[in-house]
Amino acid sequence: MYQPSSDDFPWLADEPDYAYFDTAATCLVPTCVRHAVDRYLLDTHANAHRGSYARSREATQQLEQGRQTLAKWFQIQPDQLAFSASTTQALNDLAQAVPIAWQAGDEILLSIAEHHANLLPWQRLAQRFDLKLRFIELTPEGDLATPELLLTERTRVVAVSAASNVTGAVFELAPLLRAARQRGVVSIVDAAQLAPHQPQKLGLLDADAVVCSAHKFYGVTGLGLLLLAPRFADQLSPFRVGGGIVTKVTREHAEYLSDVHRFEAGTPNTLAVIAAATATEWLDRNADLSHYLDTQRAELSHLLTHREWLQVLPAGPMQTPTLSLVSSSVHAHDLAAYLDSQRIEARAGHHCAQPLLQYLGHSGVVRIALGAYTTPRHLERLVSVLDEAYELFS
């Protein structure tokens, strides 16, 4: 059974009263990832795909080995995986590059639970071409409400999250994605919250594109991962142009690479790729981490639901190790501020999901996102300090 270790996270021993609960935003990295980053910076740091000298060749080899490791983790082929700067950038790129001849009144289907990263690009596109945004609502239990029934003859794109960054709900997308493909509708999945917990599911989703970020699964910031179905990738032009994606350039014309590298103009973030690949190998060595986190989330939910002054947002039948709570007695920011004063770090606010919070009737919530470093003692202390905050502020 997995247990958090100070070998992986030294601060568990050095700072026993410190607890970090913002993993849904960014994971803290295990020791092996820090060491991999240090080795790269000391021994290999150079431009990949650019030089014929030894250091550049080694950087290129490590970059492409990292691509293979990550592709294997997602159960896809390496030529289906493109690197970006973030999930946000990848979603913006897809919204601008999706190969559709838009007509006024065409529809884009989203869910009410979208992170702003998977809403604002489509909002801007809708304003530009006079399109209609339609939204899948939630059941009282927190799941998507029969999303496939909202597909119409005008639907051109389905862009939905695989899991909520607020409630932790994991959405069953298979019926929707299957119906979209049968209708010839482009499907794009924001899997930033699902990737750390069910990476193999990403490769099995019958979507045209799936995106996620390495810093959500114990890598470092600055790396988005774009999983492209070959049927869709073949229709896409480069998102942006520049060095590293061409075979020939003249004054008037350029010929572009035909493989996945054509989506990666500019110097690649080799360091972040190496860190991400190392993180997936660490996760594979700790395969029972997901079960451990499921158990800890269930225990935390049980503890919180016994406090009448708190409400845990509904999250459907399947969840990531993330939940959010709200109180009619104490403002979310007051709760988070008091937690912070006690060395417990959690985020309060709308979590870049304002339409969801508006739909649920809350201006802000406190999000508790568990990670590989979360111990039972952290949960006990969290609940105890929340009780102290209630006594203080109410």
Protein backbone atom coordinates (compact mmCIF):
# COMPACT_ATOMS: atom_id res chain seq x y z
CA MET A 1 0.00 0.00 0.00
CA TYR A 2 1.32 3.42 -0.96
CA GLN A 3 2.48 5.68 1.86
CA PRO A 4 3.87 9.21 1.46
CA SER A 5 7.63 9.12 1.96
CA SER A 6 10.13 11.75 3.04
CA ASP A 7 12.53 10.16 0.55
CA ASP A 8 10.27 11.52 -2.19
CA PHE A 9 9.13 14.67 -0.37
CA PRO A 10 11.75 15.66 2.24
CA TRP A 11 9.59 18.38 3.74
CA LEU A 12 7.34 15.67 5.19
CA ALA A 13 10.08 15.12 7.77
CA ASP A 14 11.45 18.66 7.89
CA GLU A 15 8.09 20.45 8.24
CA PRO A 16 5.60 18.06 9.87
CA ASP A 17 2.97 20.79 10.42
CA TYR A 18 3.01 21.94 6.80
CA ALA A 19 0.28 20.66 4.46
CA TYR A 20 -0.20 21.45 0.77
CA PHE A 21 -3.69 21.08 -0.68
CA ASP A 22 -3.39 22.88 -4.04
CA THR A 23 -2.34 19.84 -6.05
CA ALA A 24 -5.15 20.37 -8.58
CA ALA A 25 -3.35 23.58 -9.59
CA THR A 26 0.26 22.36 -9.42
CA CYS A 27 1.79 19.25 -7.87
CA LEU A 28 4.87 19.42 -5.74
CA VAL A 29 7.58 17.32 -7.35
CA PRO A 30 9.24 14.19 -5.95
CA THR A 31 12.97 14.03 -5.39
CA CYS A 32 13.63 11.99 -8.54
CA VAL A 33 12.14 14.76 -10.71
CA ARG A 34 14.31 17.41 -9.05
CA HIS A 35 17.37 15.25 -9.60
CA ALA A 36 16.48 14.68 -13.27
CA VAL A 37 16.14 18.44 -13.77
CA ASP A 38 19.48 19.06 -12.06
CA ARG A 39 21.24 16.44 -14.22
CA TYR A 40 19.82 17.92 -17.40
CA LEU A 41 20.87 21.46 -16.50
CA LEU A 42 24.37 20.34 -15.51
CA ASP A 43 25.14 17.90 -18.30
CA THR A 44 22.79 18.27 -21.28
CA HIS A 45 21.17 21.71 -21.47
CA ALA A 46 21.23 22.77 -25.13
CA ASN A 47 18.88 23.29 -28.06
CA ALA A 48 17.37 20.01 -29.19
CA HIS A 49 16.91 19.40 -32.93
CA ARG A 50 19.30 22.24 -33.72
CA GLY A 51 22.96 21.22 -33.45
CA SER A 52 25.18 18.41 -34.67
CA TYR A 53 27.50 18.65 -31.66
CA ALA A 54 27.38 16.11 -28.83
CA ARG A 55 25.49 18.17 -26.23
CA SER A 56 22.71 19.02 -28.69
CA ARG A 57 22.51 15.42 -29.88
CA GLU A 58 22.10 14.29 -26.26
CA ALA A 59 19.39 16.91 -25.63
CA THR A 60 17.56 15.72 -28.74
CA GLN A 61 17.85 12.09 -27.67
CA GLN A 62 16.47 12.85 -24.21
CA LEU A 63 13.63 14.95 -25.64
CA GLU A 64 12.51 12.21 -28.01
CA GLN A 65 12.99 9.50 -25.38
CA GLY A 66 10.77 11.59 -23.15
CA ARG A 67 8.14 11.71 -25.88
CA GLN A 68 8.23 7.92 -26.14
CA THR A 69 7.94 7.48 -22.37
CA LEU A 70 4.99 9.87 -22.16
CA ALA A 71 3.24 8.33 -25.15
CA LYS A 72 3.57 4.88 -23.59
CA TRP A 73 2.09 6.24 -20.35
CA PHE A 74 -0.93 7.54 -22.27
CA GLN A 75 -1.09 4.36 -24.38
CA ILE A 76 -0.67 6.16 -27.69
CA GLN A 77 2.03 6.29 -30.35
CA PRO A 78 4.83 8.88 -30.04
CA ASP A 79 3.80 10.52 -33.32
CA GLN A 80 0.41 11.28 -31.76
CA LEU A 81 1.93 13.44 -29.00
CA ALA A 82 2.78 17.10 -29.52
CA PHE A 83 4.28 19.43 -26.93
CA SER A 84 2.89 22.84 -26.06
CA ALA A 85 3.52 25.39 -23.33
CA SER A 86 0.35 24.53 -21.38
CA THR A 87 -3.16 23.15 -21.59
CA THR A 88 -4.36 26.72 -22.04
CA GLN A 89 -2.11 27.31 -25.04
CA ALA A 90 -3.07 24.00 -26.62
CA LEU A 91 -6.79 24.75 -26.28
CA ASN A 92 -6.31 28.21 -27.77
CA ASP A 93 -4.34 26.70 -30.64
CA LEU A 94 -7.03 24.12 -31.33
CA ALA A 95 -9.81 26.70 -31.28
CA GLN A 96 -7.99 28.76 -33.88
CA ALA A 97 -6.84 25.85 -36.04
CA VAL A 98 -9.88 23.55 -36.02
CA PRO A 99 -10.56 22.79 -39.73
CA ILE A 100 -14.14 24.03 -39.98
CA ALA A 101 -15.69 26.48 -42.45
CA TRP A 102 -17.81 28.26 -39.85
CA GLN A 103 -21.27 29.54 -40.66
CA ALA A 104 -23.27 31.91 -38.49
CA GLY A 105 -25.43 29.89 -36.12
CA ASP A 106 -23.12 26.88 -35.95
CA GLU A 107 -22.89 25.46 -32.43
CA ILE A 108 -20.12 24.56 -30.00
CA LEU A 109 -21.10 22.26 -27.14
CA LEU A 110 -19.37 22.77 -23.80
CA SER A 111 -20.19 21.85 -20.21
CA ILE A 112 -21.05 24.29 -17.45
CA ALA A 113 -18.08 22.87 -15.54
CA GLU A 114 -15.38 24.12 -17.92
CA HIS A 115 -12.23 25.80 -16.70
CA HIS A 116 -11.88 29.21 -18.34
CA ALA A 117 -9.07 27.74 -20.47
CA ASN A 118 -11.68 25.63 -22.28
CA LEU A 119 -14.33 28.35 -22.41
CA LEU A 120 -12.72 31.65 -23.36
CA PRO A 121 -11.12 30.43 -26.63
CA TRP A 122 -14.53 29.20 -27.81
CA GLN A 123 -16.25 32.37 -26.60
CA ARG A 124 -13.87 34.45 -28.69
CA LEU A 125 -14.39 32.19 -31.70
CA ALA A 126 -18.16 32.42 -31.27
CA GLN A 127 -18.01 36.21 -31.19
CA ARG A 128 -15.87 36.27 -34.31
CA PHE A 129 -18.09 34.01 -36.43
CA ASP A 130 -21.50 34.57 -34.77
CA LEU A 131 -21.63 31.06 -33.37
CA LYS A 132 -23.80 29.70 -30.57
CA LEU A 133 -22.36 28.22 -27.39
CA ARG A 134 -24.48 25.52 -25.76
CA PHE A 135 -23.83 24.15 -22.28
CA ILE A 136 -24.33 20.73 -20.72
CA GLU A 137 -25.70 21.20 -17.22
CA LEU A 138 -25.14 19.01 -14.17
CA THR A 139 -27.36 16.58 -12.35
CA PRO A 140 -28.04 17.28 -8.65
CA GLU A 141 -25.37 14.65 -7.92
CA GLY A 142 -22.77 16.62 -9.88
CA ASP A 143 -22.48 14.55 -13.07
CA LEU A 144 -23.14 15.65 -16.65
CA ALA A 145 -26.82 15.53 -17.57
CA THR A 146 -27.22 13.32 -20.72
CA PRO A 147 -24.82 15.42 -22.80
CA GLU A 148 -25.27 13.45 -26.03
CA LEU A 149 -28.87 14.64 -26.23
CA LEU A 150 -27.67 18.22 -26.79
CA LEU A 151 -25.98 17.41 -30.10
CA THR A 152 -27.88 18.98 -33.00
CA GLU A 153 -27.44 19.21 -36.74
CA ARG A 154 -25.64 22.54 -36.17
CA THR A 155 -23.10 21.19 -33.65
CA ARG A 156 -19.59 21.47 -35.08
CA VAL A 157 -17.38 21.07 -32.01
CA VAL A 158 -17.71 19.35 -28.65
CA ALA A 159 -15.14 20.69 -26.15
CA VAL A 160 -15.53 19.27 -22.65
CA SER A 161 -13.53 18.57 -19.51
CA ALA A 162 -12.91 15.00 -18.44
CA ALA A 163 -13.00 16.03 -14.77
CA SER A 164 -13.92 19.17 -12.86
CA ASN A 165 -11.11 21.20 -11.34
CA VAL A 166 -13.58 22.41 -8.68
CA THR A 167 -15.67 19.45 -7.52
CA GLY A 168 -13.37 16.63 -8.61
CA ALA A 169 -16.18 14.95 -10.55
CA VAL A 170 -14.97 12.60 -13.28
CA PHE A 171 -17.38 12.76 -16.20
CA GLU A 172 -18.40 9.77 -18.29
CA LEU A 173 -17.69 11.09 -21.77
CA ALA A 174 -17.83 7.89 -23.84
CA PRO A 175 -21.47 8.23 -25.02
CA LEU A 176 -20.98 11.88 -25.95
CA LEU A 177 -17.70 11.30 -27.81
CA ARG A 178 -19.15 8.28 -29.62
CA ALA A 179 -22.20 10.27 -30.72
CA ALA A 180 -20.00 13.18 -31.81
CA ARG A 181 -17.84 10.98 -33.99
CA GLN A 182 -20.87 9.33 -35.58
CA ARG A 183 -22.10 12.79 -36.55
CA GLY A 184 -18.71 13.99 -37.81
CA VAL A 185 -18.42 16.53 -34.97
CA VAL A 186 -14.91 17.51 -33.83
CA SER A 187 -14.31 16.46 -30.22
CA ILE A 188 -11.75 18.02 -27.88
CA VAL A 189 -11.22 16.96 -24.26
CA ASP A 190 -9.55 18.99 -21.53
CA ALA A 191 -8.04 16.20 -19.42
CA ALA A 192 -5.82 18.33 -17.20
CA GLN A 193 -7.52 17.07 -14.04
CA LEU A 194 -7.89 13.44 -15.15
CA ALA A 195 -4.38 12.78 -16.46
CA PRO A 196 -2.68 12.36 -13.06
CA HIS A 197 -5.15 9.70 -11.96
CA GLN A 198 -6.27 7.81 -15.08
CA PRO A 199 -3.61 8.48 -17.75
CA GLN A 200 -4.39 5.32 -19.70
CA LYS A 201 -7.96 6.51 -20.15
CA LEU A 202 -6.75 9.49 -22.17
CA GLY A 203 -5.48 7.31 -24.98
CA LEU A 204 -8.73 5.34 -24.98
CA LEU A 205 -10.99 8.37 -25.29
CA ASP A 206 -12.52 8.43 -28.76
CA ALA A 207 -11.70 12.13 -29.15
CA ASP A 208 -9.96 14.05 -31.90
CA ALA A 209 -7.73 15.85 -29.41
CA VAL A 210 -6.99 15.48 -25.70
CA VAL A 211 -4.91 17.99 -23.75
CA CYS A 212 -3.30 18.05 -20.30
CA SER A 213 -0.37 19.60 -18.42
CA ALA A 214 2.72 18.02 -16.91
CA HIS A 215 2.66 20.07 -13.71
CA LYS A 216 -0.62 18.33 -12.81
CA PHE A 217 1.13 14.93 -12.65
CA TYR A 218 4.27 15.77 -10.67
CA GLY A 219 6.27 17.32 -13.50
CA VAL A 220 7.22 20.98 -13.75
CA THR A 221 5.37 23.94 -15.22
CA GLY A 222 5.71 25.00 -18.84
CA LEU A 223 4.66 21.83 -20.65
CA GLY A 224 1.30 21.04 -22.18
CA LEU A 225 0.66 17.71 -23.88
CA LEU A 226 -1.55 17.43 -26.93
CA LEU A 227 -2.74 13.95 -27.88
CA LEU A 228 -3.93 13.98 -31.48
CA ALA A 229 -5.92 11.32 -33.28
CA PRO A 230 -4.27 10.73 -36.68
CA ARG A 231 -7.57 11.36 -38.47
CA PHE A 232 -7.63 14.85 -36.96
CA ALA A 233 -3.91 15.69 -36.99
CA ASP A 234 -3.78 15.12 -40.75
CA GLN A 235 -6.24 18.00 -41.21
CA LEU A 236 -4.35 20.51 -39.09
CA SER A 237 -1.87 23.13 -40.24
CA PRO A 238 0.91 24.32 -37.90
CA PHE A 239 -0.48 26.40 -35.03
CA ARG A 240 2.39 28.87 -35.26
CA VAL A 241 5.40 29.05 -37.54
CA GLY A 242 9.12 29.48 -36.98
CA GLY A 243 12.25 27.44 -36.50
CA GLY A 244 12.26 23.67 -36.27
CA ILE A 245 9.15 22.84 -38.33
CA VAL A 246 10.33 23.32 -41.91
CA THR A 247 12.18 21.34 -44.54
CA LYS A 248 12.79 24.28 -46.89
CA VAL A 249 12.28 28.04 -46.84
CA THR A 250 12.67 30.54 -49.67
CA ARG A 251 11.83 34.26 -49.76
CA GLU A 252 8.25 33.53 -50.76
CA HIS A 253 7.51 29.97 -49.66
CA ALA A 254 8.01 27.41 -46.90
CA GLU A 255 7.63 23.63 -46.84
CA TYR A 256 6.64 22.21 -43.47
CA LEU A 257 7.33 18.92 -41.75
CA SER A 258 4.58 16.37 -42.11
CA ASP A 259 4.94 14.75 -38.67
CA VAL A 260 3.94 15.91 -35.19
CA HIS A 261 6.96 18.22 -34.95
CA ARG A 262 5.16 20.70 -37.22
CA PHE A 263 3.11 21.73 -34.17
CA GLU A 264 6.24 22.57 -32.13
CA ALA A 265 7.77 25.72 -33.64
CA GLY A 266 10.61 27.24 -31.65
CA THR A 267 12.96 25.86 -29.02
CA PRO A 268 11.32 22.95 -27.19
CA ASN A 269 11.13 22.82 -23.40
CA THR A 270 13.37 19.78 -23.12
CA LEU A 271 13.79 20.19 -19.37
CA ALA A 272 10.03 19.99 -18.79
CA VAL A 273 9.72 16.93 -21.05
CA ILE A 274 12.46 15.11 -19.13
CA ALA A 275 10.81 16.07 -15.83
CA ALA A 276 7.42 14.85 -17.04
CA ALA A 277 8.80 11.54 -18.29
CA THR A 278 10.61 11.03 -14.98
CA ALA A 279 7.37 11.80 -13.11
CA THR A 280 5.44 9.16 -15.06
CA GLU A 281 8.11 6.57 -14.28
CA TRP A 282 7.81 7.49 -10.61
CA LEU A 283 4.02 7.18 -10.82
CA ASP A 284 4.39 3.75 -12.44
CA ARG A 285 6.58 2.65 -9.53
CA ASN A 286 3.82 3.82 -7.19
CA ALA A 287 0.88 2.32 -9.02
CA ASP A 288 -1.25 2.08 -5.88
CA LEU A 289 -1.12 5.85 -5.33
CA SER A 290 -4.54 6.31 -6.95
CA HIS A 291 -6.13 3.84 -4.56
CA TYR A 292 -4.45 5.55 -1.62
CA LEU A 293 -5.76 8.96 -2.71
CA ASP A 294 -9.26 7.59 -3.30
CA THR A 295 -9.24 6.26 0.26
CA GLN A 296 -7.99 9.56 1.69
CA ARG A 297 -10.59 11.56 -0.24
CA ALA A 298 -13.37 9.30 1.03
CA GLU A 299 -12.14 9.72 4.59
CA LEU A 300 -11.95 13.49 4.25
CA SER A 301 -15.41 13.66 2.71
CA HIS A 302 -16.75 11.58 5.61
CA LEU A 303 -15.16 13.90 8.17
CA LEU A 304 -16.47 17.04 6.48
CA THR A 305 -20.02 15.85 5.94
CA HIS A 306 -20.38 15.45 9.71
CA ARG A 307 -20.00 19.22 10.13
CA GLU A 308 -23.34 20.91 9.63
CA TRP A 309 -21.74 24.29 8.99
CA LEU A 310 -19.94 22.94 5.89
CA GLN A 311 -21.21 21.75 2.53
CA VAL A 312 -19.12 19.59 0.21
CA LEU A 313 -20.01 20.21 -3.44
CA PRO A 314 -21.53 17.14 -5.15
CA ALA A 315 -19.09 15.29 -7.39
CA GLY A 316 -20.99 12.42 -8.99
CA PRO A 317 -20.16 8.72 -8.73
CA MET A 318 -16.49 9.02 -9.80
CA GLN A 319 -14.02 11.57 -8.46
CA THR A 320 -10.44 12.69 -8.54
CA PRO A 321 -8.84 13.33 -5.11
CA THR A 322 -10.18 16.89 -5.18
CA LEU A 323 -13.20 18.33 -3.42
CA SER A 324 -14.52 21.78 -2.63
CA LEU A 325 -16.37 23.02 0.41
CA VAL A 326 -18.44 26.07 1.22
CA SER A 327 -19.99 27.49 4.36
CA SER A 328 -22.90 29.85 4.85
CA SER A 329 -21.27 30.94 8.11
CA VAL A 330 -17.69 31.70 7.05
CA HIS A 331 -16.48 33.22 3.77
CA ALA A 332 -14.25 30.98 1.67
CA HIS A 333 -11.38 33.47 1.69
CA ASP A 334 -11.54 33.76 5.49
CA LEU A 335 -11.32 29.98 5.78
CA ALA A 336 -8.35 29.82 3.41
CA ALA A 337 -6.60 32.71 5.14
CA TYR A 338 -6.92 31.04 8.51
CA LEU A 339 -5.68 27.73 7.10
CA ASP A 340 -2.68 29.54 5.64
CA SER A 341 -1.91 31.10 9.02
CA GLN A 342 -1.64 27.55 10.35
CA ARG A 343 0.69 26.35 7.55
CA ILE A 344 -2.11 24.64 5.62
CA GLU A 345 -2.17 25.78 2.01
CA ALA A 346 -5.45 25.57 0.11
CA ARG A 347 -7.01 27.75 -2.56
CA ALA A 348 -10.21 29.76 -2.26
CA GLY A 349 -12.20 31.54 -4.97
CA HIS A 350 -13.86 30.63 -8.23
CA HIS A 351 -10.92 28.53 -9.47
CA CYS A 352 -11.15 29.85 -13.05
CA ALA A 353 -14.61 28.31 -13.31
CA GLN A 354 -16.96 31.23 -12.72
CA PRO A 355 -19.89 29.86 -14.76
CA LEU A 356 -19.85 26.69 -12.66
CA LEU A 357 -19.83 28.63 -9.39
CA GLN A 358 -22.63 30.87 -10.69
CA TYR A 359 -24.61 27.77 -11.66
CA LEU A 360 -24.13 26.28 -8.19
CA GLY A 361 -24.99 29.57 -6.50
CA HIS A 362 -21.66 30.28 -4.82
CA SER A 363 -19.29 33.23 -5.17
CA GLY A 364 -16.32 31.21 -3.97
CA VAL A 365 -15.37 27.87 -2.45
CA VAL A 366 -12.36 26.37 -0.69
CA ARG A 367 -10.76 23.63 -2.75
CA ILE A 368 -8.92 20.77 -1.09
CA ALA A 369 -6.82 18.83 -3.58
CA LEU A 370 -4.91 15.84 -2.22
CA GLY A 371 -1.58 14.67 -3.54
CA ALA A 372 1.07 12.01 -3.15
CA TYR A 373 2.38 13.84 -0.07
CA THR A 374 -0.98 14.02 1.76
CA THR A 375 -0.98 12.01 4.98
CA PRO A 376 -3.85 11.03 7.30
CA ARG A 377 -2.38 13.45 9.84
CA HIS A 378 -2.72 16.27 7.31
CA LEU A 379 -6.42 15.51 6.95
CA GLU A 380 -6.99 15.36 10.69
CA ARG A 381 -5.19 18.65 11.16
CA LEU A 382 -7.07 20.24 8.25
CA VAL A 383 -10.45 19.38 9.78
CA SER A 384 -9.33 20.52 13.22
CA VAL A 385 -8.15 23.88 11.91
CA LEU A 386 -11.36 24.32 9.89
CA ASP A 387 -13.25 23.85 13.15
CA GLU A 388 -11.06 26.50 14.78
CA ALA A 389 -11.83 28.87 11.89
CA TYR A 390 -15.54 28.29 12.32
CA GLU A 391 -15.36 29.09 16.02
CA LEU A 392 -13.33 32.22 15.29
CA PHE A 393 -15.33 33.68 12.39
CA SER A 394 -18.87 32.59 13.11
